[in-house]
N, C-alpha and C. Protein backbone atom coordinates (compact mmCIF):
# COMPACT_ATOMS: atom_id res chain seq x y z
N MET A 1 -51.89 44.29 -84.35
CA MET A 1 -52.63 44.97 -85.40
C MET A 1 -53.83 45.67 -84.78
N HIS A 2 -54.00 46.93 -85.05
CA HIS A 2 -55.12 47.69 -84.52
C HIS A 2 -56.18 47.85 -85.60
N ARG A 3 -57.37 47.35 -85.30
CA ARG A 3 -58.48 47.51 -86.24
C ARG A 3 -59.75 47.77 -85.46
N PRO A 4 -60.72 48.43 -86.09
CA PRO A 4 -61.97 48.72 -85.39
C PRO A 4 -62.67 47.44 -84.95
N THR A 5 -63.34 47.51 -83.81
CA THR A 5 -64.00 46.33 -83.26
C THR A 5 -65.09 45.78 -84.16
N HIS A 6 -65.79 46.62 -84.87
CA HIS A 6 -66.84 46.16 -85.77
C HIS A 6 -66.39 46.21 -87.23
N GLY A 7 -65.12 46.46 -87.47
CA GLY A 7 -64.61 46.47 -88.83
C GLY A 7 -64.68 47.81 -89.53
N PHE A 8 -65.20 48.84 -88.85
CA PHE A 8 -65.34 50.16 -89.46
C PHE A 8 -64.84 51.24 -88.51
N ASP A 9 -64.18 52.23 -89.07
CA ASP A 9 -63.76 53.38 -88.27
C ASP A 9 -64.95 54.27 -87.96
N VAL A 10 -65.80 54.50 -88.96
CA VAL A 10 -66.99 55.35 -88.82
C VAL A 10 -68.20 54.56 -89.30
N ILE A 11 -69.28 54.62 -88.51
CA ILE A 11 -70.53 53.98 -88.88
C ILE A 11 -71.60 55.06 -88.90
N ILE A 12 -72.31 55.19 -90.03
CA ILE A 12 -73.39 56.17 -90.18
C ILE A 12 -74.70 55.39 -90.21
N VAL A 13 -75.62 55.76 -89.31
CA VAL A 13 -76.87 55.02 -89.17
C VAL A 13 -78.05 55.96 -89.29
N GLU A 14 -78.97 55.65 -90.20
CA GLU A 14 -80.22 56.38 -90.37
C GLU A 14 -81.19 55.94 -89.28
N GLU A 15 -81.90 56.87 -88.68
CA GLU A 15 -82.84 56.54 -87.60
C GLU A 15 -84.00 55.69 -88.08
N GLN A 16 -84.54 55.98 -89.23
CA GLN A 16 -85.74 55.28 -89.67
C GLN A 16 -85.39 54.03 -90.48
N LEU A 17 -85.19 52.94 -89.77
CA LEU A 17 -84.92 51.64 -90.38
C LEU A 17 -86.16 50.77 -90.25
N TYR A 18 -86.39 49.94 -91.21
CA TYR A 18 -87.53 49.04 -91.16
C TYR A 18 -87.08 47.64 -91.55
N PRO A 19 -86.33 46.97 -90.66
CA PRO A 19 -85.85 45.62 -90.99
C PRO A 19 -87.00 44.62 -91.02
N ASN A 20 -86.78 43.52 -91.76
CA ASN A 20 -87.79 42.47 -91.85
C ASN A 20 -87.89 41.66 -90.57
N LYS A 21 -86.79 41.54 -89.84
CA LYS A 21 -86.83 40.81 -88.57
C LYS A 21 -85.89 41.45 -87.58
N LYS A 22 -86.11 41.16 -86.33
CA LYS A 22 -85.28 41.70 -85.26
C LYS A 22 -83.91 41.04 -85.30
N ARG A 23 -82.89 41.81 -84.99
CA ARG A 23 -81.53 41.28 -84.92
C ARG A 23 -81.25 40.96 -83.46
N THR A 24 -81.42 39.71 -83.07
CA THR A 24 -81.17 39.34 -81.69
C THR A 24 -80.11 38.26 -81.56
N GLU A 25 -79.77 37.59 -82.67
CA GLU A 25 -78.73 36.58 -82.59
C GLU A 25 -77.37 37.25 -82.49
N ASN A 26 -76.46 36.61 -81.80
CA ASN A 26 -75.08 37.09 -81.62
C ASN A 26 -74.98 38.42 -80.88
N ILE A 27 -75.99 38.78 -80.12
CA ILE A 27 -75.92 39.98 -79.30
C ILE A 27 -75.45 39.58 -77.91
N HIS A 28 -74.54 40.35 -77.35
CA HIS A 28 -74.04 40.06 -76.00
C HIS A 28 -75.22 39.91 -75.06
N PRO A 29 -75.22 38.87 -74.19
CA PRO A 29 -76.37 38.61 -73.31
C PRO A 29 -76.83 39.82 -72.50
N SER A 30 -75.93 40.64 -72.03
CA SER A 30 -76.35 41.79 -71.22
C SER A 30 -76.96 42.90 -72.07
N CYS A 31 -76.84 42.82 -73.39
CA CYS A 31 -77.40 43.84 -74.28
C CYS A 31 -78.79 43.47 -74.78
N LYS A 32 -79.17 42.22 -74.70
CA LYS A 32 -80.45 41.77 -75.25
C LYS A 32 -81.65 42.38 -74.55
N GLY A 33 -81.57 42.57 -73.25
CA GLY A 33 -82.71 43.07 -72.51
C GLY A 33 -83.16 44.44 -72.94
N THR A 34 -82.23 45.28 -73.38
CA THR A 34 -82.58 46.65 -73.76
C THR A 34 -82.78 46.80 -75.26
N ALA A 35 -82.46 45.78 -76.03
CA ALA A 35 -82.54 45.89 -77.50
C ALA A 35 -83.97 46.08 -77.98
N SER A 36 -84.96 45.61 -77.24
CA SER A 36 -86.34 45.71 -77.71
C SER A 36 -86.96 47.08 -77.45
N ILE A 37 -86.30 47.93 -76.67
CA ILE A 37 -86.85 49.24 -76.32
C ILE A 37 -87.11 50.09 -77.56
N LEU A 38 -86.21 50.06 -78.49
CA LEU A 38 -86.31 50.93 -79.67
C LEU A 38 -86.36 50.10 -80.95
N GLU A 39 -87.22 49.08 -80.98
CA GLU A 39 -87.27 48.16 -82.12
C GLU A 39 -87.38 48.88 -83.46
N GLN A 40 -86.75 48.29 -84.44
CA GLN A 40 -86.81 48.74 -85.83
C GLN A 40 -86.43 50.20 -86.01
N SER A 41 -85.35 50.58 -85.37
CA SER A 41 -84.88 51.96 -85.52
C SER A 41 -83.36 51.98 -85.57
N GLY A 42 -82.84 53.07 -86.11
CA GLY A 42 -81.40 53.27 -86.08
C GLY A 42 -80.90 53.39 -84.66
N SER A 43 -81.72 53.96 -83.78
CA SER A 43 -81.35 54.08 -82.37
C SER A 43 -81.10 52.72 -81.75
N ASN A 44 -81.92 51.74 -82.10
CA ASN A 44 -81.74 50.39 -81.59
C ASN A 44 -80.43 49.80 -82.08
N LEU A 45 -80.15 50.00 -83.35
CA LEU A 45 -78.90 49.49 -83.93
C LEU A 45 -77.70 50.15 -83.25
N ILE A 46 -77.74 51.46 -83.08
CA ILE A 46 -76.64 52.18 -82.42
C ILE A 46 -76.48 51.68 -80.99
N HIS A 47 -77.59 51.53 -80.28
CA HIS A 47 -77.53 51.04 -78.91
C HIS A 47 -76.88 49.66 -78.85
N THR A 48 -77.25 48.78 -79.77
CA THR A 48 -76.68 47.43 -79.80
C THR A 48 -75.18 47.49 -80.07
N ILE A 49 -74.76 48.31 -81.03
CA ILE A 49 -73.34 48.42 -81.35
C ILE A 49 -72.56 48.96 -80.16
N THR A 50 -73.05 50.02 -79.53
CA THR A 50 -72.32 50.60 -78.40
C THR A 50 -72.29 49.65 -77.21
N CYS A 51 -73.37 48.91 -77.00
CA CYS A 51 -73.40 47.93 -75.91
C CYS A 51 -72.39 46.82 -76.18
N GLU A 52 -72.35 46.31 -77.41
CA GLU A 52 -71.39 45.28 -77.76
C GLU A 52 -69.96 45.79 -77.59
N GLN A 53 -69.70 47.02 -77.98
CA GLN A 53 -68.36 47.58 -77.85
C GLN A 53 -67.92 47.65 -76.40
N LYS A 54 -68.86 47.98 -75.50
CA LYS A 54 -68.53 48.06 -74.07
C LYS A 54 -68.10 46.71 -73.51
N HIS A 55 -68.58 45.63 -74.11
CA HIS A 55 -68.29 44.29 -73.60
C HIS A 55 -67.15 43.60 -74.34
N MET A 56 -66.53 44.27 -75.30
CA MET A 56 -65.43 43.67 -76.03
C MET A 56 -64.16 43.73 -75.18
N LYS A 57 -63.45 42.65 -75.23
CA LYS A 57 -62.20 42.55 -74.47
C LYS A 57 -61.04 42.75 -75.43
N PRO A 58 -59.85 43.01 -74.88
CA PRO A 58 -58.68 43.11 -75.75
C PRO A 58 -58.57 41.86 -76.63
N VAL A 59 -58.19 42.08 -77.88
CA VAL A 59 -58.14 40.98 -78.83
C VAL A 59 -56.74 40.79 -79.37
N GLY A 60 -56.45 39.54 -79.74
CA GLY A 60 -55.21 39.22 -80.43
C GLY A 60 -53.97 39.44 -79.60
N ASP A 61 -53.01 38.62 -79.82
CA ASP A 61 -51.72 38.79 -79.18
C ASP A 61 -50.72 39.22 -80.23
N THR A 62 -49.97 40.24 -79.92
CA THR A 62 -48.89 40.67 -80.79
C THR A 62 -47.61 40.29 -80.08
N SER A 63 -46.90 39.34 -80.62
CA SER A 63 -45.71 38.84 -79.94
C SER A 63 -44.48 39.64 -80.34
N TYR A 64 -43.74 40.05 -79.35
CA TYR A 64 -42.46 40.74 -79.53
C TYR A 64 -41.45 39.99 -78.69
N GLY A 65 -40.77 39.03 -79.28
CA GLY A 65 -39.83 38.23 -78.52
C GLY A 65 -40.57 37.40 -77.49
N ASP A 66 -40.19 37.54 -76.22
CA ASP A 66 -40.83 36.77 -75.15
C ASP A 66 -42.07 37.45 -74.60
N SER A 67 -42.28 38.73 -74.92
CA SER A 67 -43.45 39.42 -74.36
C SER A 67 -44.62 39.38 -75.34
N LYS A 68 -45.81 39.36 -74.76
CA LYS A 68 -47.03 39.38 -75.58
C LYS A 68 -47.85 40.58 -75.17
N GLU A 69 -48.42 41.23 -76.15
CA GLU A 69 -49.20 42.43 -75.88
C GLU A 69 -50.56 42.29 -76.54
N LYS A 70 -51.62 42.58 -75.80
CA LYS A 70 -52.96 42.53 -76.37
C LYS A 70 -53.36 43.93 -76.77
N SER A 71 -54.04 44.03 -77.91
CA SER A 71 -54.48 45.35 -78.37
C SER A 71 -55.84 45.68 -77.77
N SER A 72 -56.03 46.93 -77.41
CA SER A 72 -57.30 47.39 -76.86
C SER A 72 -58.34 47.46 -77.97
N PRO A 73 -59.61 47.31 -77.62
CA PRO A 73 -60.66 47.46 -78.64
C PRO A 73 -60.60 48.84 -79.28
N GLN A 74 -60.78 48.89 -80.56
CA GLN A 74 -60.78 50.15 -81.31
C GLN A 74 -62.21 50.48 -81.67
N TYR A 75 -62.87 51.27 -80.83
CA TYR A 75 -64.29 51.55 -81.01
C TYR A 75 -64.58 52.35 -82.26
N SER A 76 -65.68 52.00 -82.91
CA SER A 76 -66.14 52.72 -84.09
C SER A 76 -66.77 54.03 -83.66
N PHE A 77 -66.61 55.06 -84.48
CA PHE A 77 -67.23 56.37 -84.25
C PHE A 77 -68.59 56.31 -84.94
N ILE A 78 -69.66 56.57 -84.19
CA ILE A 78 -71.01 56.36 -84.70
C ILE A 78 -71.73 57.69 -84.91
N ILE A 79 -72.26 57.85 -86.12
CA ILE A 79 -73.00 59.05 -86.49
C ILE A 79 -74.45 58.66 -86.73
N GLY A 80 -75.37 59.28 -85.98
CA GLY A 80 -76.80 59.08 -86.20
C GLY A 80 -77.30 60.13 -87.17
N VAL A 81 -78.18 59.74 -88.08
CA VAL A 81 -78.70 60.64 -89.10
C VAL A 81 -80.22 60.55 -89.16
N SER A 82 -80.86 61.71 -89.31
CA SER A 82 -82.31 61.71 -89.45
C SER A 82 -82.78 62.94 -90.22
N ALA A 83 -83.81 62.73 -91.02
CA ALA A 83 -84.46 63.85 -91.71
C ALA A 83 -85.33 64.63 -90.72
N TYR A 84 -85.67 64.00 -89.61
CA TYR A 84 -86.50 64.62 -88.57
C TYR A 84 -85.66 64.87 -87.33
N ILE A 85 -84.65 65.72 -87.50
CA ILE A 85 -83.65 65.94 -86.46
C ILE A 85 -84.26 66.42 -85.15
N ASN A 86 -85.25 67.29 -85.19
CA ASN A 86 -85.87 67.78 -83.96
C ASN A 86 -86.55 66.65 -83.20
N GLU A 87 -87.15 65.73 -83.92
CA GLU A 87 -87.86 64.60 -83.30
C GLU A 87 -86.92 63.49 -82.83
N HIS A 88 -85.83 63.26 -83.55
CA HIS A 88 -84.98 62.10 -83.28
C HIS A 88 -83.65 62.40 -82.60
N TYR A 89 -83.27 63.66 -82.48
CA TYR A 89 -81.95 63.99 -81.94
C TYR A 89 -81.70 63.34 -80.58
N ASN A 90 -82.60 63.54 -79.63
CA ASN A 90 -82.39 63.03 -78.27
C ASN A 90 -82.33 61.50 -78.25
N LYS A 91 -83.15 60.85 -79.06
CA LYS A 91 -83.17 59.39 -79.11
C LYS A 91 -81.85 58.86 -79.67
N LEU A 92 -81.35 59.47 -80.73
CA LEU A 92 -80.07 59.04 -81.30
C LEU A 92 -78.92 59.28 -80.34
N GLU A 93 -78.92 60.42 -79.71
CA GLU A 93 -77.85 60.74 -78.76
C GLU A 93 -77.89 59.78 -77.56
N ALA A 94 -79.08 59.52 -77.03
CA ALA A 94 -79.23 58.62 -75.88
C ALA A 94 -78.83 57.18 -76.22
N SER A 95 -78.97 56.80 -77.48
CA SER A 95 -78.63 55.44 -77.89
C SER A 95 -77.13 55.21 -77.96
N GLY A 96 -76.35 56.29 -77.97
CA GLY A 96 -74.89 56.15 -78.00
C GLY A 96 -74.21 56.75 -79.21
N ALA A 97 -74.96 57.44 -80.07
CA ALA A 97 -74.33 58.09 -81.22
C ALA A 97 -73.33 59.14 -80.73
N ASP A 98 -72.18 59.17 -81.36
CA ASP A 98 -71.17 60.15 -80.98
C ASP A 98 -71.55 61.55 -81.44
N ILE A 99 -72.15 61.64 -82.62
CA ILE A 99 -72.70 62.89 -83.12
C ILE A 99 -73.97 62.58 -83.90
N VAL A 100 -74.79 63.59 -84.09
CA VAL A 100 -76.05 63.43 -84.83
C VAL A 100 -76.10 64.48 -85.93
N TRP A 101 -76.43 64.03 -87.13
CA TRP A 101 -76.57 64.92 -88.28
C TRP A 101 -78.02 64.93 -88.74
N GLY A 102 -78.46 66.08 -89.20
CA GLY A 102 -79.74 66.17 -89.89
C GLY A 102 -79.52 65.86 -91.35
N LYS A 103 -80.59 65.83 -92.10
CA LYS A 103 -80.48 65.63 -93.55
C LYS A 103 -80.81 66.92 -94.26
N PRO A 104 -80.10 67.23 -95.30
CA PRO A 104 -78.96 66.49 -95.83
C PRO A 104 -77.76 66.62 -94.91
N PRO A 105 -76.89 65.59 -94.89
CA PRO A 105 -75.69 65.66 -94.04
C PRO A 105 -74.74 66.73 -94.56
N PRO A 106 -73.81 67.16 -93.72
CA PRO A 106 -72.86 68.19 -94.17
C PRO A 106 -72.00 67.69 -95.33
N SER A 107 -71.53 68.63 -96.14
CA SER A 107 -70.66 68.29 -97.27
C SER A 107 -69.34 67.72 -96.76
N MET A 108 -68.88 66.66 -97.40
CA MET A 108 -67.66 65.98 -96.96
C MET A 108 -66.44 66.63 -97.59
N GLY A 109 -66.05 67.75 -97.03
CA GLY A 109 -64.86 68.44 -97.49
C GLY A 109 -63.67 68.09 -96.61
N ALA A 110 -62.54 68.71 -96.89
CA ALA A 110 -61.31 68.44 -96.14
C ALA A 110 -61.48 68.77 -94.66
N LYS A 111 -62.19 69.86 -94.36
CA LYS A 111 -62.38 70.26 -92.96
C LYS A 111 -63.17 69.21 -92.19
N LEU A 112 -64.27 68.72 -92.75
CA LEU A 112 -65.08 67.72 -92.07
C LEU A 112 -64.32 66.39 -91.93
N ARG A 113 -63.58 65.98 -92.96
CA ARG A 113 -62.78 64.76 -92.87
C ARG A 113 -61.77 64.87 -91.73
N TYR A 114 -61.13 66.02 -91.60
CA TYR A 114 -60.16 66.24 -90.53
C TYR A 114 -60.85 66.19 -89.16
N GLU A 115 -62.03 66.84 -89.04
CA GLU A 115 -62.77 66.83 -87.78
C GLU A 115 -63.19 65.41 -87.40
N LEU A 116 -63.62 64.62 -88.38
CA LEU A 116 -63.99 63.24 -88.10
C LEU A 116 -62.78 62.41 -87.68
N LEU A 117 -61.66 62.60 -88.36
CA LEU A 117 -60.44 61.89 -87.98
C LEU A 117 -60.05 62.22 -86.55
N GLU A 118 -60.07 63.49 -86.21
CA GLU A 118 -59.75 63.91 -84.84
C GLU A 118 -60.71 63.29 -83.83
N ALA A 119 -62.00 63.25 -84.17
CA ALA A 119 -63.00 62.69 -83.26
C ALA A 119 -62.79 61.19 -83.06
N VAL A 120 -62.48 60.47 -84.14
CA VAL A 120 -62.21 59.02 -84.04
C VAL A 120 -61.00 58.80 -83.16
N LEU A 121 -59.92 59.52 -83.40
CA LEU A 121 -58.71 59.35 -82.60
C LEU A 121 -58.94 59.70 -81.13
N GLN A 122 -59.71 60.74 -80.88
CA GLN A 122 -60.01 61.12 -79.50
C GLN A 122 -60.83 60.03 -78.80
N LYS A 123 -61.79 59.44 -79.50
CA LYS A 123 -62.60 58.38 -78.90
C LYS A 123 -61.75 57.17 -78.55
N ARG A 124 -60.75 56.92 -79.35
CA ARG A 124 -59.91 55.72 -79.16
C ARG A 124 -58.73 55.94 -78.21
N SER A 125 -58.50 57.18 -77.80
CA SER A 125 -57.34 57.43 -76.94
C SER A 125 -57.64 57.13 -75.49
């Protein structure tokens, strides 16, 4: 069974987040050291997600008779969003966002849905 590593095909993250506490539990040990660089921001969240995805191993066994096959991680496509695109673009891109949108985001028509589908499939190939 092929499913996204974080449970989502597409993740949209706003740059200006103000969480009540830092998310440090359940973070891969090699990702914790860099998580504090961009505290309380969408960039930090994106960085954590992309770092975790890099450390995910093939999951689950799909048995076909005597052979077993492990499925590769299915990485989520990450979109960074900000009302201050000129100020935040480089930070979102550097954190691992696949694309960055300003606000308001583009209209979700058939063309954009198709482009996103193609981008997700390309990332996973």
